[in-house]
C-alpha atoms as a PDB file:
ATOM      1  CA  UNK A   1      36.804 -45.083  -7.582  1.00  0.00           C
ATOM      2  CA  UNK A   2      33.459 -44.630  -5.589  1.00  0.00           C
ATOM      3  CA  UNK A   3      33.292 -42.074  -2.664  1.00  0.00           C
ATOM      4  CA  UNK A   4      31.085 -43.090   0.354  1.00  0.00           C
ATOM      5  CA  UNK A   5      29.215 -39.525   1.823  1.00  0.00           C
ATOM      6  CA  UNK A   6      27.558 -39.321   5.081  1.00  0.00           C
ATOM      7  CA  UNK A   7      25.028 -36.539   5.761  1.00  0.00           C
ATOM      8  CA  UNK A   8      25.422 -34.072   8.242  1.00  0.00           C
ATOM      9  CA  UNK A   9      22.455 -31.750   9.232  1.00  0.00           C
ATOM     10  CA  UNK A  10      23.254 -28.032   9.624  1.00  0.00           C
ATOM     11  CA  UNK A  11      20.583 -25.944  10.709  1.00  0.00           C
ATOM     12  CA  UNK A  12      21.053 -22.549   9.258  1.00  0.00           C
ATOM     13  CA  UNK A  13      19.007 -18.831  10.827  1.00  0.00           C
ATOM     14  CA  UNK A  14      15.984 -19.312   8.965  1.00  0.00           C
ATOM     15  CA  UNK A  15      15.457 -22.449  11.071  1.00  0.00           C
ATOM     16  CA  UNK A  16      15.498 -24.497   7.760  1.00  0.00           C
ATOM     17  CA  UNK A  17      17.529 -27.486   8.267  1.00  0.00           C
ATOM     18  CA  UNK A  18      20.174 -28.699   5.199  1.00  0.00           C
ATOM     19  CA  UNK A  19      21.736 -31.652   4.553  1.00  0.00           C
ATOM     20  CA  UNK A  20      25.246 -31.429   3.353  1.00  0.00           C
ATOM     21  CA  UNK A  21      27.221 -34.277   2.036  1.00  0.00           C
ATOM     22  CA  UNK A  22      30.965 -34.738   1.997  1.00  0.00           C
ATOM     23  CA  UNK A  23      33.834 -36.971   1.206  1.00  0.00           C
ATOM     24  CA  UNK A  24      33.930 -39.918   4.115  1.00  0.00           C
ATOM     25  CA  UNK A  25      37.564 -38.602   4.426  1.00  0.00           C
ATOM     26  CA  UNK A  26      35.968 -35.122   5.675  1.00  0.00           C
ATOM     27  CA  UNK A  27      33.422 -36.465   7.618  1.00  0.00           C
ATOM     28  CA  UNK A  28      36.052 -39.428   9.474  1.00  0.00           C
ATOM     29  CA  UNK A  29      37.060 -36.146  11.407  1.00  0.00           C
ATOM     30  CA  UNK A  30      33.854 -34.665  12.146  1.00  0.00           C
ATOM     31  CA  UNK A  31      33.179 -36.612  15.725  1.00  0.00           C
ATOM     32  CA  UNK A  32      35.693 -34.776  17.255  1.00  0.00           C
ATOM     33  CA  UNK A  33      33.561 -31.479  18.265  1.00  0.00           C
ATOM     34  CA  UNK A  34      37.260 -29.193  18.762  1.00  0.00           C
ATOM     35  CA  UNK A  35      37.399 -30.666  15.176  1.00  0.00           C
ATOM     36  CA  UNK A  36      33.883 -29.843  13.728  1.00  0.00           C
ATOM     37  CA  UNK A  37      34.592 -26.091  15.008  1.00  0.00           C
ATOM     38  CA  UNK A  38      37.539 -26.263  13.043  1.00  0.00           C
ATOM     39  CA  UNK A  39      36.611 -27.680   9.702  1.00  0.00           C
ATOM     40  CA  UNK A  40      33.469 -25.418   9.910  1.00  0.00           C
ATOM     41  CA  UNK A  41      36.008 -21.660  10.929  1.00  0.00           C
ATOM     42  CA  UNK A  42      38.054 -22.764   7.707  1.00  0.00           C
ATOM     43  CA  UNK A  43      36.318 -23.781   4.800  1.00  0.00           C
ATOM     44  CA  UNK A  44      33.627 -20.721   5.883  1.00  0.00           C
ATOM     45  CA  UNK A  45      34.155 -17.402   5.266  1.00  0.00           C
ATOM     46  CA  UNK A  46      31.577 -16.265   8.302  1.00  0.00           C
ATOM     47  CA  UNK A  47      30.501 -18.919  10.925  1.00  0.00           C
ATOM     48  CA  UNK A  48      28.594 -17.686  13.907  1.00  0.00           C
ATOM     49  CA  UNK A  49      27.445 -20.575  16.566  1.00  0.00           C
ATOM     50  CA  UNK A  50      24.347 -19.153  18.339  1.00  0.00           C
ATOM     51  CA  UNK A  51      21.524 -20.805  20.154  1.00  0.00           C
ATOM     52  CA  UNK A  52      17.841 -20.621  18.751  1.00  0.00           C
ATOM     53  CA  UNK A  53      16.661 -18.449  21.886  1.00  0.00           C
ATOM     54  CA  UNK A  54      19.770 -16.549  22.303  1.00  0.00           C
ATOM     55  CA  UNK A  55      18.808 -12.506  22.551  1.00  0.00           C
ATOM     56  CA  UNK A  56      22.360 -11.610  21.543  1.00  0.00           C
ATOM     57  CA  UNK A  57      22.687 -14.272  18.901  1.00  0.00           C
ATOM     58  CA  UNK A  58      19.569 -12.559  16.883  1.00  0.00           C
ATOM     59  CA  UNK A  59      21.145  -9.382  17.703  1.00  0.00           C
ATOM     60  CA  UNK A  60      24.227 -10.792  16.126  1.00  0.00           C
ATOM     61  CA  UNK A  61      22.615 -12.770  12.959  1.00  0.00           C
ATOM     62  CA  UNK A  62      21.071  -8.837  12.076  1.00  0.00           C
ATOM     63  CA  UNK A  63      24.135  -7.106  12.421  1.00  0.00           C
ATOM     64  CA  UNK A  64      25.811  -9.392   9.976  1.00  0.00           C
ATOM     65  CA  UNK A  65      22.462  -9.747   7.447  1.00  0.00           C
ATOM     66  CA  UNK A  66      22.443  -5.946   7.810  1.00  0.00           C
ATOM     67  CA  UNK A  67      25.452  -5.787   6.358  1.00  0.00           C
ATOM     68  CA  UNK A  68      25.047  -7.946   3.602  1.00  0.00           C
ATOM     69  CA  UNK A  69      27.053 -11.331   4.869  1.00  0.00           C
ATOM     70  CA  UNK A  70      25.515 -14.519   4.659  1.00  0.00           C
ATOM     71  CA  UNK A  71      27.131 -16.010   7.450  1.00  0.00           C
ATOM     72  CA  UNK A  72      27.033 -19.842   8.089  1.00  0.00           C
ATOM     73  CA  UNK A  73      24.738 -20.230  11.412  1.00  0.00           C
ATOM     74  CA  UNK A  74      25.238 -23.036  13.246  1.00  0.00           C
ATOM     75  CA  UNK A  75      22.457 -23.379  16.182  1.00  0.00           C
ATOM     76  CA  UNK A  76      23.947 -24.716  18.672  1.00  0.00           C
ATOM     77  CA  UNK A  77      20.900 -26.019  21.047  1.00  0.00           C
ATOM     78  CA  UNK A  78      20.015 -28.179  17.269  1.00  0.00           C
ATOM     79  CA  UNK A  79      23.028 -30.026  16.128  1.00  0.00           C
ATOM     80  CA  UNK A  80      24.018 -33.013  17.391  1.00  0.00           C
ATOM     81  CA  UNK A  81      27.086 -32.668  19.367  1.00  0.00           C
ATOM     82  CA  UNK A  82      25.822 -29.335  20.151  1.00  0.00           C
ATOM     83  CA  UNK A  83      26.927 -29.878  23.856  1.00  0.00           C
ATOM     84  CA  UNK A  84      30.217 -31.006  22.875  1.00  0.00           C
ATOM     85  CA  UNK A  85      30.602 -27.810  20.605  1.00  0.00           C
ATOM     86  CA  UNK A  86      29.519 -25.390  23.336  1.00  0.00           C
ATOM     87  CA  UNK A  87      32.172 -26.684  25.720  1.00  0.00           C
ATOM     88  CA  UNK A  88      34.896 -26.446  22.781  1.00  0.00           C
ATOM     89  CA  UNK A  89      33.308 -22.675  22.619  1.00  0.00           C
ATOM     90  CA  UNK A  90      33.418 -22.223  26.649  1.00  0.00           C
ATOM     91  CA  UNK A  91      37.247 -23.097  26.375  1.00  0.00           C
ATOM     92  CA  UNK A  92      37.779 -20.411  23.618  1.00  0.00           C
ATOM     93  CA  UNK A  93      36.216 -17.784  25.252  1.00  0.00           C
ATOM     94  CA  UNK A  94      38.254 -18.795  28.335  1.00  0.00           C
ATOM     95  CA  UNK A  95      37.243 -15.822  30.521  1.00  0.00           C
ATOM     96  CA  UNK A  96      33.548 -17.570  31.899  1.00  0.00           C
ATOM     97  CA  UNK A  97      31.909 -15.813  29.548  1.00  0.00           C
ATOM     98  CA  UNK A  98      28.747 -16.973  27.948  1.00  0.00           C
ATOM     99  CA  UNK A  99      30.101 -18.605  24.535  1.00  0.00           C
ATOM    100  CA  UNK A 100      27.411 -18.292  22.111  1.00  0.00           C
ATOM    101  CA  UNK A 101      27.424 -16.390  20.070  1.00  0.00           C
ATOM    102  CA  UNK A 102      30.838 -16.987  19.082  1.00  0.00           C
ATOM    103  CA  UNK A 103      32.026 -15.541  15.757  1.00  0.00           C
ATOM    104  CA  UNK A 104      35.177 -16.786  13.205  1.00  0.00           C
ATOM    105  CA  UNK A 105      35.918 -15.085  10.403  1.00  0.00           C
ATOM    106  CA  UNK A 106      38.069 -15.873   7.153  1.00  0.00           C
ATOM    107  CA  UNK A 107      39.226 -18.541   9.802  1.00  0.00           C
ATOM    108  CA  UNK A 108      40.113 -17.020  13.079  1.00  0.00           C
ATOM    109  CA  UNK A 109      37.924 -17.001  16.275  1.00  0.00           C
ATOM    110  CA  UNK A 110      36.509 -13.543  16.297  1.00  0.00           C
ATOM    111  CA  UNK A 111      34.735 -13.898  19.743  1.00  0.00           C
ATOM    112  CA  UNK A 112      31.514 -12.806  21.047  1.00  0.00           C
ATOM    113  CA  UNK A 113      28.915 -10.037  20.820  1.00  0.00           C
ATOM    114  CA  UNK A 114      30.980  -7.595  22.681  1.00  0.00           C
ATOM    115  CA  UNK A 115      34.049  -8.234  19.720  1.00  0.00           C
ATOM    116  CA  UNK A 116      31.748  -8.533  17.284  1.00  0.00           C
ATOM    117  CA  UNK A 117      30.092  -4.610  18.024  1.00  0.00           C
ATOM    118  CA  UNK A 118      32.970  -2.958  19.293  1.00  0.00           C
ATOM    119  CA  UNK A 119      34.630  -4.065  15.573  1.00  0.00           C
ATOM    120  CA  UNK A 120      31.329  -2.676  13.551  1.00  0.00           C
ATOM    121  CA  UNK A 121      31.510   0.083  15.708  1.00  0.00           C
ATOM    122  CA  UNK A 122      34.938   0.757  15.286  1.00  0.00           C
ATOM    123  CA  UNK A 123      34.647   0.291  11.649  1.00  0.00           C
ATOM    124  CA  UNK A 124      37.045  -2.094  11.784  1.00  0.00           C
ATOM    125  CA  UNK A 125      34.674  -5.031  10.937  1.00  0.00           C
ATOM    126  CA  UNK A 126      33.850  -4.671   7.206  1.00  0.00           C
ATOM    127  CA  UNK A 127      37.950  -4.737   5.842  1.00  0.00           C
ATOM    128  CA  UNK A 128      37.925  -7.707   8.145  1.00  0.00           C
ATOM    129  CA  UNK A 129      34.301  -9.351   6.399  1.00  0.00           C
ATOM    130  CA  UNK A 130      35.939  -8.234   3.081  1.00  0.00           C
ATOM    131  CA  UNK A 131      39.643  -9.947   3.748  1.00  0.00           C
ATOM    132  CA  UNK A 132      37.681 -12.918   4.306  1.00  0.00           C
ATOM    133  CA  UNK A 133      35.547 -12.863   1.765  1.00  0.00           C
ATOM    134  CA  UNK A 134      32.152 -12.283   3.204  1.00  0.00           C
ATOM    135  CA  UNK A 135      31.689  -8.958   1.504  1.00  0.00           C
ATOM    136  CA  UNK A 136      32.866  -7.844  -2.142  1.00  0.00           C
ATOM    137  CA  UNK A 137      31.789  -3.770  -1.921  1.00  0.00           C
END
């Protein structure tokens, strides 16, 4: 059986572009930005949608890295479907706030920087990350 693969470029926080290969059945549905977001969120413990020049995105990255989490980071401004992904994130936020950083934990939308920092301050972030499999200790 021959499986056709398609490469999708994903930028990581270190600004090193990695190429991932996925079966064509998975990538067929990745032409829809909503499905891109859903696929990434459901297959990774923590996903952070970011903009490369955003200071609050840097704060979110540093917080997660400081806790020992290795999130999947999507730099929306470097992604081929970036404007469409950003439109999906605007719909998720729904209150007119800036859609990035947008954090997904365990396949569920956690929120932006305010929610992430609030969960960290009130002590619910680490248990949430452990439950999602992003932290082991």
